[in-house]
Each structure stands twice: as structure tokens, then as C-alpha cells.
C-alpha atoms as a PDB file:
ATOM      1  CA  UNK A   1      98.572  76.820  -1.646  1.00  0.00           C
ATOM      2  CA  UNK A   2      97.966  80.223  -0.666  1.00  0.00           C
ATOM      3  CA  UNK A   3     100.762  82.745   0.287  1.00  0.00           C
ATOM      4  CA  UNK A   4     100.232  85.461   2.583  1.00  0.00           C
ATOM      5  CA  UNK A   5     101.877  88.378   0.954  1.00  0.00           C
ATOM      6  CA  UNK A   6     101.957  90.892   4.204  1.00  0.00           C
ATOM      7  CA  UNK A   7     104.978  90.850   6.085  1.00  0.00           C
ATOM      8  CA  UNK A   8     104.551  88.249   8.858  1.00  0.00           C
ATOM      9  CA  UNK A   9     107.897  86.795   9.232  1.00  0.00           C
ATOM     10  CA  UNK A  10     111.544  87.961   8.784  1.00  0.00           C
ATOM     11  CA  UNK A  11     114.694  85.794   8.570  1.00  0.00           C
ATOM     12  CA  UNK A  12     117.404  87.233  10.721  1.00  0.00           C
ATOM     13  CA  UNK A  13     121.304  86.310  10.323  1.00  0.00           C
ATOM     14  CA  UNK A  14     123.428  86.881  12.849  1.00  0.00           C
ATOM     15  CA  UNK A  15     127.005  86.355  12.740  1.00  0.00           C
ATOM     16  CA  UNK A  16     128.744  85.766  16.163  1.00  0.00           C
ATOM     17  CA  UNK A  17     131.703  84.110  17.689  1.00  0.00           C
ATOM     18  CA  UNK A  18     130.872  80.353  18.768  1.00  0.00           C
ATOM     19  CA  UNK A  19     132.215  81.324  22.240  1.00  0.00           C
ATOM     20  CA  UNK A  20     128.659  83.351  22.445  1.00  0.00           C
ATOM     21  CA  UNK A  21     126.444  80.922  20.560  1.00  0.00           C
ATOM     22  CA  UNK A  22     125.081  79.522  23.710  1.00  0.00           C
ATOM     23  CA  UNK A  23     124.069  82.991  25.121  1.00  0.00           C
ATOM     24  CA  UNK A  24     122.449  83.754  21.982  1.00  0.00           C
ATOM     25  CA  UNK A  25     120.360  80.724  21.699  1.00  0.00           C
ATOM     26  CA  UNK A  26     119.146  81.153  25.286  1.00  0.00           C
ATOM     27  CA  UNK A  27     118.238  84.856  24.268  1.00  0.00           C
ATOM     28  CA  UNK A  28     116.496  83.923  21.175  1.00  0.00           C
ATOM     29  CA  UNK A  29     114.343  81.281  23.014  1.00  0.00           C
ATOM     30  CA  UNK A  30     113.534  83.527  25.799  1.00  0.00           C
ATOM     31  CA  UNK A  31     112.166  86.358  23.127  1.00  0.00           C
ATOM     32  CA  UNK A  32     110.280  83.624  21.206  1.00  0.00           C
ATOM     33  CA  UNK A  33     112.454  83.978  17.992  1.00  0.00           C
ATOM     34  CA  UNK A  34     112.513  80.661  16.173  1.00  0.00           C
ATOM     35  CA  UNK A  35     108.937  79.583  16.714  1.00  0.00           C
ATOM     36  CA  UNK A  36     107.538  77.958  13.856  1.00  0.00           C
ATOM     37  CA  UNK A  37     104.231  76.236  13.755  1.00  0.00           C
ATOM     38  CA  UNK A  38     104.140  73.671  16.877  1.00  0.00           C
ATOM     39  CA  UNK A  39     107.823  73.877  17.204  1.00  0.00           C
ATOM     40  CA  UNK A  40     109.999  76.459  19.138  1.00  0.00           C
ATOM     41  CA  UNK A  41     113.768  77.255  19.504  1.00  0.00           C
ATOM     42  CA  UNK A  42     114.284  76.666  15.784  1.00  0.00           C
ATOM     43  CA  UNK A  43     117.357  78.113  14.231  1.00  0.00           C
ATOM     44  CA  UNK A  44     120.209  76.789  11.904  1.00  0.00           C
ATOM     45  CA  UNK A  45     123.895  77.623  12.120  1.00  0.00           C
ATOM     46  CA  UNK A  46     127.045  77.257   9.880  1.00  0.00           C
ATOM     47  CA  UNK A  47     130.696  77.822  10.415  1.00  0.00           C
ATOM     48  CA  UNK A  48     131.864  80.949   8.428  1.00  0.00           C
ATOM     49  CA  UNK A  49     134.932  83.066   8.161  1.00  0.00           C
ATOM     50  CA  UNK A  50     134.480  86.753   8.596  1.00  0.00           C
ATOM     51  CA  UNK A  51     136.744  89.680   8.074  1.00  0.00           C
ATOM     52  CA  UNK A  52     136.963  93.169   8.764  1.00  0.00           C
ATOM     53  CA  UNK A  53     139.216  95.970   9.782  1.00  0.00           C
ATOM     54  CA  UNK A  54     138.845  97.983  13.121  1.00  0.00           C
ATOM     55  CA  UNK A  55     139.006 101.784  11.982  1.00  0.00           C
ATOM     56  CA  UNK A  56     140.100 104.522  14.534  1.00  0.00           C
ATOM     57  CA  UNK A  57     138.190 105.234  17.487  1.00  0.00           C
ATOM     58  CA  UNK A  58     136.905 101.355  17.605  1.00  0.00           C
ATOM     59  CA  UNK A  59     137.505  98.920  20.583  1.00  0.00           C
ATOM     60  CA  UNK A  60     137.110  95.556  18.476  1.00  0.00           C
ATOM     61  CA  UNK A  61     136.432  92.646  20.648  1.00  0.00           C
ATOM     62  CA  UNK A  62     138.837  90.725  18.359  1.00  0.00           C
ATOM     63  CA  UNK A  63     141.729  92.398  16.233  1.00  0.00           C
ATOM     64  CA  UNK A  64     143.696  95.432  16.362  1.00  0.00           C
ATOM     65  CA  UNK A  65     143.005  98.756  14.931  1.00  0.00           C
ATOM     66  CA  UNK A  66     144.108  99.512  11.299  1.00  0.00           C
ATOM     67  CA  UNK A  67     144.752  95.648  10.738  1.00  0.00           C
ATOM     68  CA  UNK A  68     142.410  93.116   8.742  1.00  0.00           C
ATOM     69  CA  UNK A  69     141.377  90.360  10.765  1.00  0.00           C
ATOM     70  CA  UNK A  70     140.058  87.078   9.708  1.00  0.00           C
ATOM     71  CA  UNK A  71     138.342  84.871  12.317  1.00  0.00           C
ATOM     72  CA  UNK A  72     135.961  82.001  12.340  1.00  0.00           C
ATOM     73  CA  UNK A  73     132.274  82.747  13.129  1.00  0.00           C
ATOM     74  CA  UNK A  74     128.816  81.339  13.351  1.00  0.00           C
ATOM     75  CA  UNK A  75     126.240  82.502  10.860  1.00  0.00           C
ATOM     76  CA  UNK A  76     122.827  81.836  12.834  1.00  0.00           C
ATOM     77  CA  UNK A  77     119.515  82.098  10.783  1.00  0.00           C
ATOM     78  CA  UNK A  78     116.419  82.155  12.646  1.00  0.00           C
ATOM     79  CA  UNK A  79     112.674  82.988  11.885  1.00  0.00           C
ATOM     80  CA  UNK A  80     111.013  85.947  13.724  1.00  0.00           C
ATOM     81  CA  UNK A  81     107.603  87.431  13.711  1.00  0.00           C
ATOM     82  CA  UNK A  82     107.811  90.849  11.901  1.00  0.00           C
ATOM     83  CA  UNK A  83     106.090  92.565  15.022  1.00  0.00           C
ATOM     84  CA  UNK A  84     108.953  91.188  17.214  1.00  0.00           C
ATOM     85  CA  UNK A  85     112.066  92.647  15.349  1.00  0.00           C
ATOM     86  CA  UNK A  86     113.020  95.617  17.515  1.00  0.00           C
ATOM     87  CA  UNK A  87     112.549  93.453  20.639  1.00  0.00           C
ATOM     88  CA  UNK A  88     114.564  90.431  19.074  1.00  0.00           C
ATOM     89  CA  UNK A  89     117.270  93.218  18.027  1.00  0.00           C
ATOM     90  CA  UNK A  90     117.522  94.479  21.619  1.00  0.00           C
ATOM     91  CA  UNK A  91     117.887  90.868  22.825  1.00  0.00           C
ATOM     92  CA  UNK A  92     120.534  89.965  20.287  1.00  0.00           C
ATOM     93  CA  UNK A  93     122.820  93.194  20.883  1.00  0.00           C
ATOM     94  CA  UNK A  94     122.544  92.459  24.898  1.00  0.00           C
ATOM     95  CA  UNK A  95     124.454  89.144  24.650  1.00  0.00           C
ATOM     96  CA  UNK A  96     126.593  90.043  21.337  1.00  0.00           C
ATOM     97  CA  UNK A  97     130.277  91.011  22.059  1.00  0.00           C
ATOM     98  CA  UNK A  98     130.907  93.273  18.901  1.00  0.00           C
ATOM     99  CA  UNK A  99     130.761  96.986  18.666  1.00  0.00           C
ATOM    100  CA  UNK A 100     129.135  96.636  15.277  1.00  0.00           C
ATOM    101  CA  UNK A 101     127.278  93.317  15.238  1.00  0.00           C
ATOM    102  CA  UNK A 102     126.067  92.195  11.815  1.00  0.00           C
ATOM    103  CA  UNK A 103     122.515  91.286  11.738  1.00  0.00           C
ATOM    104  CA  UNK A 104     120.536  91.018   8.197  1.00  0.00           C
ATOM    105  CA  UNK A 105     117.047  91.194   8.662  1.00  0.00           C
ATOM    106  CA  UNK A 106     115.437  89.476   5.443  1.00  0.00           C
ATOM    107  CA  UNK A 107     111.434  89.666   4.651  1.00  0.00           C
ATOM    108  CA  UNK A 108     109.856  86.461   4.305  1.00  0.00           C
ATOM    109  CA  UNK A 109     107.036  85.775   2.238  1.00  0.00           C
ATOM    110  CA  UNK A 110     106.118  82.650   4.434  1.00  0.00           C
ATOM    111  CA  UNK A 111     107.608  79.761   6.301  1.00  0.00           C
ATOM    112  CA  UNK A 112     107.599  75.984   6.096  1.00  0.00           C
ATOM    113  CA  UNK A 113     106.199  76.237   2.564  1.00  0.00           C
END
């Protein structure tokens, strides 16, 4: 098995309220994220609990300034072509309700190994 060491794909982890998952899923599909081999719209999601404290000057979607919040969220994982990182980030931010969405971009050596 040969592994291409050039950065061809990344994995994005997106933390989002469950209420906004359908919009995110549609935006990812429209941008071509989650295309693996002869399949598209591939992603995984799991229920997690997020915590945060909004600081002065923020306008939180959930929670109050100065108070620690804890809420259920979905962690969505999707494979994205490296050349489409910026375009995909823009599509995610367009449907995400948070002022500061947590989106981790992780380099992948390969997919479907």
C-alpha cells in the first residue's frame, strides 16, 4: 500500500447545536465536502457536551456573559479536499449560529486506508 504524503485531504471537526445540523449538512453537500471515492455526503456526527463562558463584549447564541454554560452539541467530522479548506470554512460559518464556532482542521495522510 502506498501512502501519499502530500496534503490532499483534511478532516474538519465542527461543533454545532443539533438544531443547526440539517443546514450544516446541506451546506457541506453543496460545497462537495465529504466526497470519498464513489460516495458523497459522507460525514459522522456524535453527541457531545460543550462548555464556554462568554466574555464582555460578546453576544452569545446560548448563555450569558460572565457565566459558564454547558450544553449538548453535535461534533461533526467530515473529510475535505485541502484545496477547498477556505471555501468550506466560509460555507460552515454562513450557517453556524455561534459568534466563534469551533472548527478544527486536521491534516490527513490518507482516507479510506
